[in-house]
Amino acid sequence: MQRARVIGQAVATAKHPSMHGYKLLIVQPLGTDDRPDEYPIIVIDKFGAGVGSTVIISSDGKFARKVTGSKVTPVRYTTLGIEDAKRGVHR
């Protein structure tokens, strides 16, 4: 798990069937000091995070297969929740 900041959205006119119904977000992973860590990545989101939100992401392929309900999916990164600075993480 890692914190990341949503910096944009991605749109795909054609995508794998396991990805239908999910929003694609471009996120910037954050280090422990809240500074950018590595390169931006694309994640699937079912929580409705928007640009500027801080989210918790996972790169667990097994979890991605569980979330999408597919034994075979190209998804690697998923959101686990949206961080609310006042209340913590919402799942």
N, C-alpha and C. Protein backbone atom coordinates (compact mmCIF):
# COMPACT_ATOMS: atom_id res chain seq x y z
N MET A 1 0.85 -1.17 0.00
CA MET A 1 0.00 0.00 0.00
C MET A 1 0.89 1.23 0.00
N GLN A 2 0.40 2.25 -0.66
CA GLN A 2 1.14 3.51 -0.74
C GLN A 2 0.15 4.65 -0.94
N ARG A 3 0.51 5.80 -0.41
CA ARG A 3 -0.30 6.99 -0.65
C ARG A 3 0.08 7.57 -2.00
N ALA A 4 -0.91 8.18 -2.67
CA ALA A 4 -0.67 8.80 -3.97
C ALA A 4 -1.64 9.97 -4.13
N ARG A 5 -1.24 10.95 -4.92
CA ARG A 5 -2.10 12.09 -5.20
C ARG A 5 -2.62 11.98 -6.62
N VAL A 6 -3.93 12.18 -6.78
CA VAL A 6 -4.56 12.12 -8.10
C VAL A 6 -4.19 13.38 -8.86
N ILE A 7 -3.57 13.20 -10.05
CA ILE A 7 -3.14 14.36 -10.85
C ILE A 7 -3.90 14.46 -12.17
N GLY A 8 -4.75 13.48 -12.46
CA GLY A 8 -5.52 13.53 -13.70
C GLY A 8 -6.36 12.28 -13.90
N GLN A 9 -7.08 12.27 -15.01
CA GLN A 9 -7.89 11.12 -15.38
C GLN A 9 -7.43 10.63 -16.75
N ALA A 10 -7.61 9.34 -16.99
CA ALA A 10 -7.30 8.76 -18.29
C ALA A 10 -8.60 8.26 -18.91
N VAL A 11 -8.67 8.32 -20.22
CA VAL A 11 -9.85 7.85 -20.94
C VAL A 11 -9.40 6.82 -21.96
N ALA A 12 -10.11 5.71 -22.02
CA ALA A 12 -9.80 4.66 -23.00
C ALA A 12 -11.06 4.33 -23.78
N THR A 13 -10.99 4.43 -25.09
CA THR A 13 -12.16 4.09 -25.90
C THR A 13 -12.35 2.59 -25.99
N ALA A 14 -11.28 1.85 -25.82
CA ALA A 14 -11.34 0.39 -25.79
C ALA A 14 -10.52 -0.08 -24.61
N LYS A 15 -11.11 -0.93 -23.78
CA LYS A 15 -10.36 -1.46 -22.65
C LYS A 15 -10.80 -2.89 -22.36
N HIS A 16 -9.98 -3.58 -21.62
CA HIS A 16 -10.24 -4.98 -21.27
C HIS A 16 -11.60 -5.08 -20.58
N PRO A 17 -12.38 -6.12 -20.85
CA PRO A 17 -13.70 -6.26 -20.22
C PRO A 17 -13.68 -6.17 -18.69
N SER A 18 -12.60 -6.59 -18.06
CA SER A 18 -12.52 -6.53 -16.59
C SER A 18 -12.44 -5.10 -16.07
N MET A 19 -12.17 -4.15 -16.95
CA MET A 19 -12.01 -2.75 -16.52
C MET A 19 -13.27 -1.92 -16.71
N HIS A 20 -14.30 -2.49 -17.32
CA HIS A 20 -15.53 -1.73 -17.54
C HIS A 20 -16.17 -1.35 -16.20
N GLY A 21 -16.62 -0.11 -16.11
CA GLY A 21 -17.27 0.38 -14.90
C GLY A 21 -16.32 1.04 -13.92
N TYR A 22 -15.02 1.07 -14.24
CA TYR A 22 -14.05 1.70 -13.36
C TYR A 22 -13.50 2.96 -14.00
N LYS A 23 -13.30 3.98 -13.17
CA LYS A 23 -12.67 5.20 -13.63
C LYS A 23 -11.16 4.97 -13.62
N LEU A 24 -10.47 5.50 -14.62
CA LEU A 24 -9.02 5.41 -14.69
C LEU A 24 -8.42 6.73 -14.20
N LEU A 25 -7.56 6.65 -13.21
CA LEU A 25 -6.93 7.84 -12.65
C LEU A 25 -5.43 7.81 -12.88
N ILE A 26 -4.86 8.98 -13.09
CA ILE A 26 -3.41 9.11 -13.12
C ILE A 26 -3.01 9.62 -11.75
N VAL A 27 -2.17 8.85 -11.06
CA VAL A 27 -1.77 9.23 -9.70
C VAL A 27 -0.26 9.33 -9.59
N GLN A 28 0.17 10.21 -8.71
CA GLN A 28 1.58 10.38 -8.40
C GLN A 28 1.85 9.75 -7.05
N PRO A 29 2.55 8.60 -7.00
CA PRO A 29 2.88 8.01 -5.71
C PRO A 29 3.67 8.99 -4.85
N LEU A 30 3.44 8.93 -3.54
CA LEU A 30 4.09 9.84 -2.60
C LEU A 30 5.00 9.07 -1.67
N GLY A 31 6.13 9.69 -1.31
CA GLY A 31 7.04 9.11 -0.34
C GLY A 31 6.55 9.43 1.07
N THR A 32 7.29 8.99 2.05
CA THR A 32 6.91 9.22 3.44
C THR A 32 6.92 10.70 3.81
N ASP A 33 7.61 11.52 3.01
CA ASP A 33 7.68 12.96 3.26
C ASP A 33 6.66 13.73 2.41
N ASP A 34 5.71 13.01 1.79
CA ASP A 34 4.67 13.59 0.92
C ASP A 34 5.22 14.22 -0.35
N ARG A 35 6.45 13.91 -0.70
CA ARG A 35 7.02 14.37 -1.97
C ARG A 35 6.85 13.28 -3.02
N PRO A 36 6.77 13.66 -4.31
CA PRO A 36 6.61 12.66 -5.36
C PRO A 36 7.67 11.56 -5.28
N ASP A 37 7.23 10.33 -5.48
CA ASP A 37 8.11 9.16 -5.42
C ASP A 37 7.89 8.37 -6.70
N GLU A 38 8.90 8.25 -7.53
CA GLU A 38 8.83 7.53 -8.80
C GLU A 38 7.98 8.29 -9.82
N TYR A 39 7.48 7.56 -10.82
CA TYR A 39 6.72 8.15 -11.92
C TYR A 39 5.22 7.99 -11.69
N PRO A 40 4.40 8.86 -12.31
CA PRO A 40 2.95 8.69 -12.21
C PRO A 40 2.52 7.35 -12.81
N ILE A 41 1.42 6.80 -12.31
CA ILE A 41 0.89 5.53 -12.79
C ILE A 41 -0.62 5.66 -12.98
N ILE A 42 -1.20 4.69 -13.68
CA ILE A 42 -2.65 4.66 -13.88
C ILE A 42 -3.22 3.59 -12.96
N VAL A 43 -4.30 3.94 -12.26
CA VAL A 43 -4.98 3.01 -11.36
C VAL A 43 -6.46 2.97 -11.72
N ILE A 44 -7.14 1.88 -11.35
CA ILE A 44 -8.60 1.87 -11.48
C ILE A 44 -9.18 2.31 -10.15
N ASP A 45 -10.30 3.03 -10.23
CA ASP A 45 -10.90 3.59 -9.03
C ASP A 45 -12.39 3.32 -9.01
N LYS A 46 -12.89 2.87 -7.87
CA LYS A 46 -14.34 2.66 -7.71
C LYS A 46 -14.92 3.56 -6.63
N PHE A 47 -14.08 4.45 -6.06
CA PHE A 47 -14.52 5.28 -4.95
C PHE A 47 -14.91 6.70 -5.36
N GLY A 48 -14.58 7.11 -6.58
CA GLY A 48 -14.95 8.44 -7.04
C GLY A 48 -13.94 9.51 -6.68
N ALA A 49 -12.67 9.16 -6.56
CA ALA A 49 -11.63 10.14 -6.25
C ALA A 49 -11.50 11.13 -7.40
N GLY A 50 -11.15 12.35 -7.07
CA GLY A 50 -10.98 13.38 -8.08
C GLY A 50 -9.59 13.97 -8.04
N VAL A 51 -9.29 14.81 -9.01
CA VAL A 51 -7.99 15.46 -9.09
C VAL A 51 -7.74 16.23 -7.79
N GLY A 52 -6.57 16.03 -7.22
CA GLY A 52 -6.20 16.68 -5.96
C GLY A 52 -6.41 15.80 -4.74
N SER A 53 -7.21 14.73 -4.89
CA SER A 53 -7.44 13.81 -3.77
C SER A 53 -6.18 13.01 -3.47
N THR A 54 -6.03 12.64 -2.22
CA THR A 54 -4.97 11.71 -1.83
C THR A 54 -5.63 10.36 -1.62
N VAL A 55 -5.10 9.33 -2.30
CA VAL A 55 -5.68 8.00 -2.24
C VAL A 55 -4.64 7.01 -1.73
N ILE A 56 -5.14 5.87 -1.29
CA ILE A 56 -4.28 4.75 -0.92
C ILE A 56 -4.37 3.78 -2.09
N ILE A 57 -3.20 3.37 -2.63
CA ILE A 57 -3.18 2.47 -3.78
C ILE A 57 -2.50 1.15 -3.42
N SER A 58 -2.80 0.13 -4.21
CA SER A 58 -2.19 -1.18 -4.04
C SER A 58 -1.73 -1.69 -5.39
N SER A 59 -0.59 -2.38 -5.40
CA SER A 59 -0.10 -2.99 -6.63
C SER A 59 -0.25 -4.52 -6.58
N ASP A 60 -1.09 -4.99 -5.69
CA ASP A 60 -1.31 -6.42 -5.49
C ASP A 60 -2.18 -6.98 -6.61
N GLY A 61 -1.60 -7.79 -7.49
CA GLY A 61 -2.34 -8.37 -8.61
C GLY A 61 -3.49 -9.26 -8.17
N LYS A 62 -3.30 -9.99 -7.08
CA LYS A 62 -4.37 -10.87 -6.58
C LYS A 62 -5.57 -10.03 -6.15
N PHE A 63 -5.31 -8.90 -5.49
CA PHE A 63 -6.39 -8.01 -5.08
C PHE A 63 -7.08 -7.41 -6.31
N ALA A 64 -6.30 -7.03 -7.33
CA ALA A 64 -6.88 -6.47 -8.56
C ALA A 64 -7.81 -7.48 -9.21
N ARG A 65 -7.42 -8.76 -9.23
CA ARG A 65 -8.29 -9.79 -9.81
C ARG A 65 -9.57 -9.94 -8.98
N LYS A 66 -9.45 -9.83 -7.67
CA LYS A 66 -10.63 -9.93 -6.80
C LYS A 66 -11.57 -8.75 -7.03
N VAL A 67 -11.02 -7.55 -7.11
CA VAL A 67 -11.82 -6.34 -7.31
C VAL A 67 -12.55 -6.39 -8.64
N THR A 68 -11.85 -6.79 -9.70
CA THR A 68 -12.47 -6.80 -11.03
C THR A 68 -13.33 -8.03 -11.27
N GLY A 69 -13.17 -9.04 -10.43
CA GLY A 69 -13.94 -10.26 -10.60
C GLY A 69 -13.49 -11.08 -11.79
N SER A 70 -12.25 -10.88 -12.21
CA SER A 70 -11.72 -11.56 -13.38
C SER A 70 -10.45 -12.32 -13.03
N LYS A 71 -10.35 -13.54 -13.53
CA LYS A 71 -9.13 -14.33 -13.30
C LYS A 71 -7.96 -13.80 -14.13
N VAL A 72 -8.29 -13.11 -15.22
CA VAL A 72 -7.28 -12.54 -16.09
C VAL A 72 -7.61 -11.07 -16.31
N THR A 73 -6.71 -10.19 -15.88
CA THR A 73 -6.92 -8.76 -16.05
C THR A 73 -5.57 -8.08 -16.21
N PRO A 74 -5.50 -7.02 -17.02
CA PRO A 74 -4.26 -6.27 -17.15
C PRO A 74 -4.05 -5.28 -15.99
N VAL A 75 -5.02 -5.18 -15.11
CA VAL A 75 -4.96 -4.22 -14.01
C VAL A 75 -3.90 -4.64 -12.99
N ARG A 76 -3.05 -3.70 -12.63
CA ARG A 76 -2.08 -3.95 -11.57
C ARG A 76 -2.35 -3.06 -10.37
N TYR A 77 -2.69 -1.80 -10.61
CA TYR A 77 -2.88 -0.85 -9.52
C TYR A 77 -4.36 -0.53 -9.31
N THR A 78 -4.77 -0.51 -8.05
CA THR A 78 -6.15 -0.18 -7.69
C THR A 78 -6.15 0.78 -6.51
N THR A 79 -7.23 1.55 -6.37
CA THR A 79 -7.37 2.38 -5.17
C THR A 79 -8.00 1.53 -4.07
N LEU A 80 -7.56 1.76 -2.85
CA LEU A 80 -8.12 1.08 -1.69
C LEU A 80 -9.01 2.02 -0.88
N GLY A 81 -8.83 3.31 -1.07
CA GLY A 81 -9.62 4.29 -0.34
C GLY A 81 -9.16 5.70 -0.63
N ILE A 82 -9.96 6.66 -0.19
CA ILE A 82 -9.64 8.08 -0.34
C ILE A 82 -9.32 8.63 1.04
N GLU A 83 -8.21 9.33 1.13
CA GLU A 83 -7.81 9.89 2.41
C GLU A 83 -8.53 11.22 2.64
N ASP A 84 -9.08 11.38 3.82
CA ASP A 84 -9.72 12.62 4.24
C ASP A 84 -8.85 13.18 5.36
N ALA A 85 -8.25 14.33 5.15
CA ALA A 85 -7.32 14.88 6.12
C ALA A 85 -7.95 15.05 7.50
N LYS A 86 -9.25 15.26 7.57
CA LYS A 86 -9.92 15.47 8.84
C LYS A 86 -10.35 14.18 9.52
N ARG A 87 -10.64 13.15 8.72
CA ARG A 87 -11.21 11.94 9.29
C ARG A 87 -10.43 10.66 9.04
N GLY A 88 -9.39 10.70 8.24
CA GLY A 88 -8.65 9.49 7.92
C GLY A 88 -9.01 8.95 6.55
N VAL A 89 -8.98 7.66 6.38
CA VAL A 89 -9.21 7.03 5.08
C VAL A 89 -10.64 6.48 5.00
N HIS A 90 -11.31 6.76 3.88
CA HIS A 90 -12.66 6.22 3.62
C HIS A 90 -12.53 5.05 2.67
N ARG A 91 -13.22 3.95 2.96
CA ARG A 91 -13.15 2.77 2.08
C ARG A 91 -14.51 2.51 1.48
